[in-house]
Amino acid sequence: MATRMLQPGKPRHQQLSDWLREQIEQGVYKPQDRLPSEHELSRRFGVSRITVRRALQTLEHEA
């Protein structure tokens, strides 16, 4: 998968959680599927693992 660039002006963790949510809603990741690792998401989006964790926590609290 290509590296995705995040846009300025919106928190990175929010953009990442939005992207993950879209992937789930589109069926890219189905129930019981594993999401990409923190390391993989960090590398793919050029963000820290803390940012990835925050995005994942956002999704977890929505469930």
PDB file of N, CA and C in Angstrom:
ATOM      1  N   MET A   1       0.833  -1.196   0.000  1.00  0.00           N
ATOM      2  CA  MET A   1       0.000   0.000   0.000  1.00  0.00           C
ATOM      3  C   MET A   1       0.870   1.249   0.000  1.00  0.00           C
ATOM      4  N   ALA A   2       0.409   2.217  -0.683  1.00  0.00           N
ATOM      5  CA  ALA A   2       1.165   3.466  -0.755  1.00  0.00           C
ATOM      6  C   ALA A   2       1.043   4.245   0.552  1.00  0.00           C
ATOM      7  N   THR A   3       2.021   5.085   0.787  1.00  0.00           N
ATOM      8  CA  THR A   3       1.979   5.956   1.953  1.00  0.00           C
ATOM      9  C   THR A   3       0.906   7.009   1.735  1.00  0.00           C
ATOM     10  N   ARG A   4       0.124   7.232   2.748  1.00  0.00           N
ATOM     11  CA  ARG A   4      -0.952   8.223   2.663  1.00  0.00           C
ATOM     12  C   ARG A   4      -0.464   9.491   3.349  1.00  0.00           C
ATOM     13  N   MET A   5      -0.703  10.615   2.720  1.00  0.00           N
ATOM     14  CA  MET A   5      -0.292  11.894   3.288  1.00  0.00           C
ATOM     15  C   MET A   5      -1.453  12.474   4.087  1.00  0.00           C
ATOM     16  N   LEU A   6      -1.150  12.957   5.262  1.00  0.00           N
ATOM     17  CA  LEU A   6      -2.158  13.603   6.094  1.00  0.00           C
ATOM     18  C   LEU A   6      -2.197  15.087   5.771  1.00  0.00           C
ATOM     19  N   GLN A   7      -3.361  15.674   5.938  1.00  0.00           N
ATOM     20  CA  GLN A   7      -3.565  17.071   5.585  1.00  0.00           C
ATOM     21  C   GLN A   7      -3.323  17.978   6.793  1.00  0.00           C
ATOM     22  N   PRO A   8      -2.761  19.160   6.560  1.00  0.00           N
ATOM     23  CA  PRO A   8      -2.589  20.113   7.663  1.00  0.00           C
ATOM     24  C   PRO A   8      -3.943  20.668   8.106  1.00  0.00           C
ATOM     25  N   GLY A   9      -3.997  21.136   9.344  1.00  0.00           N
ATOM     26  CA  GLY A   9      -5.194  21.808   9.833  1.00  0.00           C
ATOM     27  C   GLY A   9      -6.157  20.930  10.595  1.00  0.00           C
ATOM     28  N   LYS A  10      -5.935  19.628  10.594  1.00  0.00           N
ATOM     29  CA  LYS A  10      -6.782  18.695  11.325  1.00  0.00           C
ATOM     30  C   LYS A  10      -5.858  17.767  12.098  1.00  0.00           C
ATOM     31  N   PRO A  11      -6.152  17.486  13.362  1.00  0.00           N
ATOM     32  CA  PRO A  11      -5.255  16.635  14.143  1.00  0.00           C
ATOM     33  C   PRO A  11      -4.960  15.307  13.443  1.00  0.00           C
ATOM     34  N   ARG A  12      -3.704  14.921  13.477  1.00  0.00           N
ATOM     35  CA  ARG A  12      -3.287  13.694  12.788  1.00  0.00           C
ATOM     36  C   ARG A  12      -3.997  12.462  13.323  1.00  0.00           C
ATOM     37  N   HIS A  13      -4.160  12.382  14.647  1.00  0.00           N
ATOM     38  CA  HIS A  13      -4.827  11.201  15.200  1.00  0.00           C
ATOM     39  C   HIS A  13      -6.267  11.113  14.709  1.00  0.00           C
ATOM     40  N   GLN A  14      -6.905  12.249  14.533  1.00  0.00           N
ATOM     41  CA  GLN A  14      -8.288  12.269  14.052  1.00  0.00           C
ATOM     42  C   GLN A  14      -8.346  11.816  12.590  1.00  0.00           C
ATOM     43  N   GLN A  15      -7.406  12.277  11.778  1.00  0.00           N
ATOM     44  CA  GLN A  15      -7.367  11.852  10.383  1.00  0.00           C
ATOM     45  C   GLN A  15      -7.130  10.354  10.283  1.00  0.00           C
ATOM     46  N   LEU A  16      -6.257   9.845  11.128  1.00  0.00           N
ATOM     47  CA  LEU A  16      -5.959   8.417  11.109  1.00  0.00           C
ATOM     48  C   LEU A  16      -7.168   7.611  11.571  1.00  0.00           C
ATOM     49  N   SER A  17      -7.831   8.034  12.629  1.00  0.00           N
ATOM     50  CA  SER A  17      -9.023   7.303  13.076  1.00  0.00           C
ATOM     51  C   SER A  17     -10.133   7.388  12.021  1.00  0.00           C
ATOM     52  N   ASP A  18     -10.264   8.521  11.353  1.00  0.00           N
ATOM     53  CA  ASP A  18     -11.245   8.651  10.268  1.00  0.00           C
ATOM     54  C   ASP A  18     -10.930   7.668   9.146  1.00  0.00           C
ATOM     55  N   TRP A  19      -9.649   7.556   8.780  1.00  0.00           N
ATOM     56  CA  TRP A  19      -9.234   6.649   7.711  1.00  0.00           C
ATOM     57  C   TRP A  19      -9.521   5.203   8.106  1.00  0.00           C
ATOM     58  N   LEU A  20      -9.157   4.832   9.324  1.00  0.00           N
ATOM     59  CA  LEU A  20      -9.410   3.465   9.785  1.00  0.00           C
ATOM     60  C   LEU A  20     -10.908   3.159   9.792  1.00  0.00           C
ATOM     61  N   ARG A  21     -11.710   4.113  10.287  1.00  0.00           N
ATOM     62  CA  ARG A  21     -13.161   3.934  10.309  1.00  0.00           C
ATOM     63  C   ARG A  21     -13.688   3.709   8.891  1.00  0.00           C
ATOM     64  N   GLU A  22     -13.219   4.495   7.933  1.00  0.00           N
ATOM     65  CA  GLU A  22     -13.641   4.339   6.540  1.00  0.00           C
ATOM     66  C   GLU A  22     -13.278   2.963   6.011  1.00  0.00           C
ATOM     67  N   GLN A  23     -12.076   2.499   6.339  1.00  0.00           N
ATOM     68  CA  GLN A  23     -11.645   1.177   5.883  1.00  0.00           C
ATOM     69  C   GLN A  23     -12.545   0.078   6.451  1.00  0.00           C
ATOM     70  N   ILE A  24     -12.913   0.212   7.695  1.00  0.00           N
ATOM     71  CA  ILE A  24     -13.805  -0.753   8.340  1.00  0.00           C
ATOM     72  C   ILE A  24     -15.190  -0.695   7.705  1.00  0.00           C
ATOM     73  N   GLU A  25     -15.718   0.511   7.514  1.00  0.00           N
ATOM     74  CA  GLU A  25     -17.052   0.680   6.930  1.00  0.00           C
ATOM     75  C   GLU A  25     -17.105   0.168   5.492  1.00  0.00           C
ATOM     76  N   GLN A  26     -15.998   0.275   4.767  1.00  0.00           N
ATOM     77  CA  GLN A  26     -15.945  -0.190   3.380  1.00  0.00           C
ATOM     78  C   GLN A  26     -15.671  -1.685   3.273  1.00  0.00           C
ATOM     79  N   GLY A  27     -15.465  -2.334   4.410  1.00  0.00           N
ATOM     80  CA  GLY A  27     -15.247  -3.781   4.396  1.00  0.00           C
ATOM     81  C   GLY A  27     -13.823  -4.209   4.151  1.00  0.00           C
ATOM     82  N   VAL A  28     -12.893  -3.264   4.116  1.00  0.00           N
ATOM     83  CA  VAL A  28     -11.487  -3.625   3.957  1.00  0.00           C
ATOM     84  C   VAL A  28     -11.044  -4.451   5.160  1.00  0.00           C
ATOM     85  N   TYR A  29     -11.475  -4.031   6.342  1.00  0.00           N
ATOM     86  CA  TYR A  29     -11.226  -4.779   7.571  1.00  0.00           C
ATOM     87  C   TYR A  29     -12.578  -5.231   8.104  1.00  0.00           C
ATOM     88  N   LYS A  30     -12.736  -6.527   8.209  1.00  0.00           N
ATOM     89  CA  LYS A  30     -13.988  -7.106   8.674  1.00  0.00           C
ATOM     90  C   LYS A  30     -13.882  -7.455  10.155  1.00  0.00           C
ATOM     91  N   PRO A  31     -15.040  -7.706  10.800  1.00  0.00           N
ATOM     92  CA  PRO A  31     -14.979  -8.143  12.194  1.00  0.00           C
ATOM     93  C   PRO A  31     -14.030  -9.345  12.318  1.00  0.00           C
ATOM     94  N   GLN A  32     -13.277  -9.364  13.349  1.00  0.00           N
ATOM     95  CA  GLN A  32     -12.290 -10.398  13.650  1.00  0.00           C
ATOM     96  C   GLN A  32     -10.986 -10.250  12.868  1.00  0.00           C
ATOM     97  N   ASP A  33     -10.930  -9.347  11.875  1.00  0.00           N
ATOM     98  CA  ASP A  33      -9.669  -9.076  11.177  1.00  0.00           C
ATOM     99  C   ASP A  33      -8.759  -8.270  12.090  1.00  0.00           C
ATOM    100  N   ARG A  34      -7.476  -8.442  11.906  1.00  0.00           N
ATOM    101  CA  ARG A  34      -6.504  -7.625  12.626  1.00  0.00           C
ATOM    102  C   ARG A  34      -6.234  -6.367  11.820  1.00  0.00           C
ATOM    103  N   LEU A  35      -6.213  -5.250  12.507  1.00  0.00           N
ATOM    104  CA  LEU A  35      -5.813  -3.998  11.865  1.00  0.00           C
ATOM    105  C   LEU A  35      -4.301  -4.009  11.700  1.00  0.00           C
ATOM    106  N   PRO A  36      -3.767  -3.157  10.848  1.00  0.00           N
ATOM    107  CA  PRO A  36      -2.302  -3.054  10.743  1.00  0.00           C
ATOM    108  C   PRO A  36      -1.706  -2.711  12.113  1.00  0.00           C
ATOM    109  N   SER A  37      -0.472  -3.127  12.320  1.00  0.00           N
ATOM    110  CA  SER A  37       0.204  -2.866  13.592  1.00  0.00           C
ATOM    111  C   SER A  37       0.459  -1.372  13.778  1.00  0.00           C
ATOM    112  N   GLU A  38       0.706  -0.996  15.029  1.00  0.00           N
ATOM    113  CA  GLU A  38       1.063   0.398  15.324  1.00  0.00           C
ATOM    114  C   GLU A  38       2.270   0.810  14.500  1.00  0.00           C
ATOM    115  N   HIS A  39       3.245  -0.078  14.428  1.00  0.00           N
ATOM    116  CA  HIS A  39       4.475   0.231  13.679  1.00  0.00           C
ATOM    117  C   HIS A  39       4.160   0.466  12.200  1.00  0.00           C
ATOM    118  N   GLU A  40       3.338  -0.406  11.621  1.00  0.00           N
ATOM    119  CA  GLU A  40       2.999  -0.265  10.208  1.00  0.00           C
ATOM    120  C   GLU A  40       2.221   1.025   9.947  1.00  0.00           C
ATOM    121  N   LEU A  41       1.237   1.326  10.790  1.00  0.00           N
ATOM    122  CA  LEU A  41       0.469   2.563  10.609  1.00  0.00           C
ATOM    123  C   LEU A  41       1.350   3.786  10.814  1.00  0.00           C
ATOM    124  N   SER A  42       2.238   3.711  11.791  1.00  0.00           N
ATOM    125  CA  SER A  42       3.160   4.816  12.052  1.00  0.00           C
ATOM    126  C   SER A  42       4.030   5.089  10.830  1.00  0.00           C
ATOM    127  N   ARG A  43       4.557   4.042  10.249  1.00  0.00           N
ATOM    128  CA  ARG A  43       5.411   4.182   9.064  1.00  0.00           C
ATOM    129  C   ARG A  43       4.599   4.652   7.856  1.00  0.00           C
ATOM    130  N   ARG A  44       3.436   4.064   7.656  1.00  0.00           N
ATOM    131  CA  ARG A  44       2.614   4.388   6.488  1.00  0.00           C
ATOM    132  C   ARG A  44       2.170   5.850   6.483  1.00  0.00           C
ATOM    133  N   PHE A  45       1.827   6.373   7.672  1.00  0.00           N
ATOM    134  CA  PHE A  45       1.304   7.733   7.756  1.00  0.00           C
ATOM    135  C   PHE A  45       2.339   8.761   8.196  1.00  0.00           C
ATOM    136  N   GLY A  46       3.528   8.312   8.555  1.00  0.00           N
ATOM    137  CA  GLY A  46       4.580   9.236   8.962  1.00  0.00           C
ATOM    138  C   GLY A  46       4.275   9.934  10.276  1.00  0.00           C
ATOM    139  N   VAL A  47       3.672   9.187  11.209  1.00  0.00           N
ATOM    140  CA  VAL A  47       3.322   9.739  12.523  1.00  0.00           C
ATOM    141  C   VAL A  47       3.951   8.881  13.616  1.00  0.00           C
ATOM    142  N   SER A  48       3.934   9.391  14.837  1.00  0.00           N
ATOM    143  CA  SER A  48       4.483   8.637  15.961  1.00  0.00           C
ATOM    144  C   SER A  48       3.521   7.515  16.360  1.00  0.00           C
ATOM    145  N   ARG A  49       4.049   6.540  17.074  1.00  0.00           N
ATOM    146  CA  ARG A  49       3.208   5.461  17.572  1.00  0.00           C
ATOM    147  C   ARG A  49       2.211   5.985  18.600  1.00  0.00           C
ATOM    148  N   ILE A  50       2.555   7.048  19.292  1.00  0.00           N
ATOM    149  CA  ILE A  50       1.621   7.651  20.237  1.00  0.00           C
ATOM    150  C   ILE A  50       0.401   8.190  19.487  1.00  0.00           C
ATOM    151  N   THR A  51       0.629   8.799  18.333  1.00  0.00           N
ATOM    152  CA  THR A  51      -0.474   9.296  17.504  1.00  0.00           C
ATOM    153  C   THR A  51      -1.355   8.138  17.053  1.00  0.00           C
ATOM    154  N   VAL A  52      -0.729   7.035  16.660  1.00  0.00           N
ATOM    155  CA  VAL A  52      -1.480   5.844  16.239  1.00  0.00           C
ATOM    156  C   VAL A  52      -2.305   5.319  17.407  1.00  0.00           C
ATOM    157  N   ARG A  53      -1.700   5.232  18.579  1.00  0.00           N
ATOM    158  CA  ARG A  53      -2.426   4.737  19.753  1.00  0.00           C
ATOM    159  C   ARG A  53      -3.632   5.609  20.062  1.00  0.00           C
ATOM    160  N   ARG A  54      -3.458   6.908  19.947  1.00  0.00           N
ATOM    161  CA  ARG A  54      -4.568   7.831  20.211  1.00  0.00           C
ATOM    162  C   ARG A  54      -5.706   7.616  19.205  1.00  0.00           C
ATOM    163  N   ALA A  55      -5.350   7.402  17.951  1.00  0.00           N
ATOM    164  CA  ALA A  55      -6.362   7.131  16.924  1.00  0.00           C
ATOM    165  C   ALA A  55      -7.101   5.827  17.220  1.00  0.00           C
ATOM    166  N   LEU A  56      -6.371   4.806  17.629  1.00  0.00           N
ATOM    167  CA  LEU A  56      -6.979   3.526  17.956  1.00  0.00           C
ATOM    168  C   LEU A  56      -7.870   3.632  19.185  1.00  0.00           C
ATOM    169  N   GLN A  57      -7.439   4.425  20.164  1.00  0.00           N
ATOM    170  CA  GLN A  57      -8.263   4.642  21.356  1.00  0.00           C
ATOM    171  C   GLN A  57      -9.560   5.348  20.998  1.00  0.00           C
ATOM    172  N   THR A  58      -9.491   6.282  20.072  1.00  0.00           N
ATOM    173  CA  THR A  58     -10.697   6.976  19.618  1.00  0.00           C
ATOM    174  C   THR A  58     -11.705   5.968  19.063  1.00  0.00           C
ATOM    175  N   LEU A  59     -11.217   5.068  18.204  1.00  0.00           N
ATOM    176  CA  LEU A  59     -12.103   4.054  17.628  1.00  0.00           C
ATOM    177  C   LEU A  59     -12.642   3.121  18.699  1.00  0.00           C
ATOM    178  N   GLU A  60     -11.803   2.751  19.629  1.00  0.00           N
ATOM    179  CA  GLU A  60     -12.219   1.835  20.695  1.00  0.00           C
ATOM    180  C   GLU A  60     -13.340   2.449  21.531  1.00  0.00           C
ATOM    181  N   HIS A  61     -13.241   3.747  21.811  1.00  0.00           N
ATOM    182  CA  HIS A  61     -14.271   4.403  22.625  1.00  0.00           C
ATOM    183  C   HIS A  61     -15.575   4.603  21.871  1.00  0.00           C
ATOM    184  N   GLU A  62     -15.527   4.534  20.545  1.00  0.00           N
ATOM    185  CA  GLU A  62     -16.747   4.650  19.740  1.00  0.00           C
ATOM    186  C   GLU A  62     -17.545   3.361  19.742  1.00  0.00           C
ATOM    187  N   ALA A  63     -16.865   2.255  19.978  1.00  0.00           N
ATOM    188  CA  ALA A  63     -17.506   0.928  19.891  1.00  0.00           C
ATOM    189  C   ALA A  63     -18.505   0.695  20.999  1.00  0.00           C
TER     190      ALA A  63
END
